[in-house]
């Protein structure tokens, strides 16, 4: 049996969480961020790592990749907006980005 899905956060709850996630913004009902890498290979490796984590969460991002840029939008479709799952995936994406861009 699958665990219960999280509830949709209010705009006040989202605003309270955003300071812990620099670079992310809330607009159009989702969390948004663009990541830029030195090259395509690192961008694709980032997407692979985040995809594997997203699969474990059963929570999948809306994203696109153009060469060295990955644009991400996070919302929990079955909850109708942003949930704690989105912030958890955002945190993982931030950690993956830091690992892939360290010199």
C-alpha atoms as a PDB file:
ATOM      1  CA  UNK A   1       0.000   0.000   0.000  1.00  0.00           C
ATOM      2  CA  UNK A   2       1.407   3.378  -1.009  1.00  0.00           C
ATOM      3  CA  UNK A   3       1.899   6.062   1.644  1.00  0.00           C
ATOM      4  CA  UNK A   4      -0.624   8.905   1.632  1.00  0.00           C
ATOM      5  CA  UNK A   5       0.146  11.754  -0.720  1.00  0.00           C
ATOM      6  CA  UNK A   6       1.041  15.125   0.843  1.00  0.00           C
ATOM      7  CA  UNK A   7      -1.387  18.018   1.055  1.00  0.00           C
ATOM      8  CA  UNK A   8      -1.137  21.226  -0.955  1.00  0.00           C
ATOM      9  CA  UNK A   9       0.703  23.992   0.913  1.00  0.00           C
ATOM     10  CA  UNK A  10      -0.808  27.437   1.300  1.00  0.00           C
ATOM     11  CA  UNK A  11       0.921  30.455  -0.224  1.00  0.00           C
ATOM     12  CA  UNK A  12       1.995  31.492   3.297  1.00  0.00           C
ATOM     13  CA  UNK A  13       3.527  28.054   3.926  1.00  0.00           C
ATOM     14  CA  UNK A  14       5.327  28.215   0.578  1.00  0.00           C
ATOM     15  CA  UNK A  15       6.621  31.723   1.339  1.00  0.00           C
ATOM     16  CA  UNK A  16       7.920  30.462   4.701  1.00  0.00           C
ATOM     17  CA  UNK A  17       9.815  27.580   3.019  1.00  0.00           C
ATOM     18  CA  UNK A  18      11.325  29.520   0.109  1.00  0.00           C
ATOM     19  CA  UNK A  19      14.135  31.240   2.084  1.00  0.00           C
ATOM     20  CA  UNK A  20      15.656  27.805   2.747  1.00  0.00           C
ATOM     21  CA  UNK A  21      15.794  27.214  -1.030  1.00  0.00           C
ATOM     22  CA  UNK A  22      17.769  30.056  -2.634  1.00  0.00           C
ATOM     23  CA  UNK A  23      17.379  30.292  -6.384  1.00  0.00           C
ATOM     24  CA  UNK A  24      13.850  28.886  -6.397  1.00  0.00           C
ATOM     25  CA  UNK A  25      10.797  31.037  -6.975  1.00  0.00           C
ATOM     26  CA  UNK A  26       7.090  30.383  -6.690  1.00  0.00           C
ATOM     27  CA  UNK A  27       5.064  31.375  -9.737  1.00  0.00           C
ATOM     28  CA  UNK A  28       2.232  29.945 -11.788  1.00  0.00           C
ATOM     29  CA  UNK A  29       1.446  27.457  -9.009  1.00  0.00           C
ATOM     30  CA  UNK A  30       4.876  25.786  -9.024  1.00  0.00           C
ATOM     31  CA  UNK A  31       8.448  26.107  -7.789  1.00  0.00           C
ATOM     32  CA  UNK A  32      10.798  27.179 -10.588  1.00  0.00           C
ATOM     33  CA  UNK A  33      14.555  27.263 -11.026  1.00  0.00           C
ATOM     34  CA  UNK A  34      17.035  27.189 -13.879  1.00  0.00           C
ATOM     35  CA  UNK A  35      20.368  25.417 -13.392  1.00  0.00           C
ATOM     36  CA  UNK A  36      23.345  26.189 -15.613  1.00  0.00           C
ATOM     37  CA  UNK A  37      26.325  23.856 -15.963  1.00  0.00           C
ATOM     38  CA  UNK A  38      29.722  24.108 -17.644  1.00  0.00           C
ATOM     39  CA  UNK A  39      28.638  21.665 -20.354  1.00  0.00           C
ATOM     40  CA  UNK A  40      25.952  19.301 -21.610  1.00  0.00           C
ATOM     41  CA  UNK A  41      27.436  16.201 -19.969  1.00  0.00           C
ATOM     42  CA  UNK A  42      27.180  17.689 -16.472  1.00  0.00           C
ATOM     43  CA  UNK A  43      23.663  18.949 -17.160  1.00  0.00           C
ATOM     44  CA  UNK A  44      22.598  15.495 -18.302  1.00  0.00           C
ATOM     45  CA  UNK A  45      24.315  13.804 -15.335  1.00  0.00           C
ATOM     46  CA  UNK A  46      22.410  16.164 -13.031  1.00  0.00           C
ATOM     47  CA  UNK A  47      19.124  15.208 -14.685  1.00  0.00           C
ATOM     48  CA  UNK A  48      19.945  11.516 -14.344  1.00  0.00           C
ATOM     49  CA  UNK A  49      20.721  11.829 -10.645  1.00  0.00           C
ATOM     50  CA  UNK A  50      17.601  13.873  -9.928  1.00  0.00           C
ATOM     51  CA  UNK A  51      15.463  11.502 -12.025  1.00  0.00           C
ATOM     52  CA  UNK A  52      16.584   8.496  -9.977  1.00  0.00           C
ATOM     53  CA  UNK A  53      15.752  10.314  -6.745  1.00  0.00           C
ATOM     54  CA  UNK A  54      12.407  11.503  -8.137  1.00  0.00           C
ATOM     55  CA  UNK A  55      11.501   7.924  -9.013  1.00  0.00           C
ATOM     56  CA  UNK A  56      12.165   6.857  -5.410  1.00  0.00           C
ATOM     57  CA  UNK A  57       9.836   9.633  -4.232  1.00  0.00           C
ATOM     58  CA  UNK A  58       7.260   8.753  -6.917  1.00  0.00           C
ATOM     59  CA  UNK A  59       7.368  12.459  -7.715  1.00  0.00           C
ATOM     60  CA  UNK A  60       8.464  13.629 -11.137  1.00  0.00           C
ATOM     61  CA  UNK A  61       9.506  17.113 -12.241  1.00  0.00           C
ATOM     62  CA  UNK A  62       8.408  19.087 -15.257  1.00  0.00           C
ATOM     63  CA  UNK A  63      11.719  20.025 -16.823  1.00  0.00           C
ATOM     64  CA  UNK A  64      13.608  20.722 -19.996  1.00  0.00           C
ATOM     65  CA  UNK A  65      17.226  20.694 -21.066  1.00  0.00           C
ATOM     66  CA  UNK A  66      18.939  22.850 -23.658  1.00  0.00           C
ATOM     67  CA  UNK A  67      22.682  22.181 -23.891  1.00  0.00           C
ATOM     68  CA  UNK A  68      24.031  23.255 -20.467  1.00  0.00           C
ATOM     69  CA  UNK A  69      20.768  24.546 -18.947  1.00  0.00           C
ATOM     70  CA  UNK A  70      18.106  22.589 -17.091  1.00  0.00           C
ATOM     71  CA  UNK A  71      14.843  24.379 -16.336  1.00  0.00           C
ATOM     72  CA  UNK A  72      12.728  22.816 -13.588  1.00  0.00           C
ATOM     73  CA  UNK A  73       9.135  23.366 -12.439  1.00  0.00           C
ATOM     74  CA  UNK A  74       7.903  21.445  -9.405  1.00  0.00           C
ATOM     75  CA  UNK A  75       4.316  20.916  -8.314  1.00  0.00           C
ATOM     76  CA  UNK A  76       2.388  17.926  -7.069  1.00  0.00           C
ATOM     77  CA  UNK A  77      -0.264  17.398  -9.710  1.00  0.00           C
ATOM     78  CA  UNK A  78      -2.497  15.098  -7.680  1.00  0.00           C
ATOM     79  CA  UNK A  79      -2.516  17.644  -4.805  1.00  0.00           C
ATOM     80  CA  UNK A  80      -3.204  20.562  -7.138  1.00  0.00           C
ATOM     81  CA  UNK A  81      -0.128  22.597  -6.182  1.00  0.00           C
ATOM     82  CA  UNK A  82       3.121  22.725  -4.251  1.00  0.00           C
ATOM     83  CA  UNK A  83       3.648  20.233  -1.413  1.00  0.00           C
ATOM     84  CA  UNK A  84       6.499  19.166   0.847  1.00  0.00           C
ATOM     85  CA  UNK A  85       7.494  16.663  -1.861  1.00  0.00           C
ATOM     86  CA  UNK A  86       8.341  19.584  -4.132  1.00  0.00           C
ATOM     87  CA  UNK A  87      10.571  21.168  -1.528  1.00  0.00           C
ATOM     88  CA  UNK A  88      12.242  17.800  -0.872  1.00  0.00           C
ATOM     89  CA  UNK A  89      12.978  17.345  -4.578  1.00  0.00           C
ATOM     90  CA  UNK A  90      14.164  20.963  -4.834  1.00  0.00           C
ATOM     91  CA  UNK A  91      16.625  20.338  -1.980  1.00  0.00           C
ATOM     92  CA  UNK A  92      17.942  17.214  -3.686  1.00  0.00           C
ATOM     93  CA  UNK A  93      18.318  19.093  -6.982  1.00  0.00           C
ATOM     94  CA  UNK A  94      20.255  21.847  -5.204  1.00  0.00           C
ATOM     95  CA  UNK A  95      22.620  19.295  -3.638  1.00  0.00           C
ATOM     96  CA  UNK A  96      23.142  17.547  -6.978  1.00  0.00           C
ATOM     97  CA  UNK A  97      23.834  20.895  -8.646  1.00  0.00           C
ATOM     98  CA  UNK A  98      26.434  21.820  -6.013  1.00  0.00           C
ATOM     99  CA  UNK A  99      28.231  18.480  -6.467  1.00  0.00           C
ATOM    100  CA  UNK A 100      28.306  18.831 -10.244  1.00  0.00           C
ATOM    101  CA  UNK A 101      29.540  22.418 -10.343  1.00  0.00           C
ATOM    102  CA  UNK A 102      32.253  22.313  -7.675  1.00  0.00           C
ATOM    103  CA  UNK A 103      35.684  22.859  -9.096  1.00  0.00           C
END
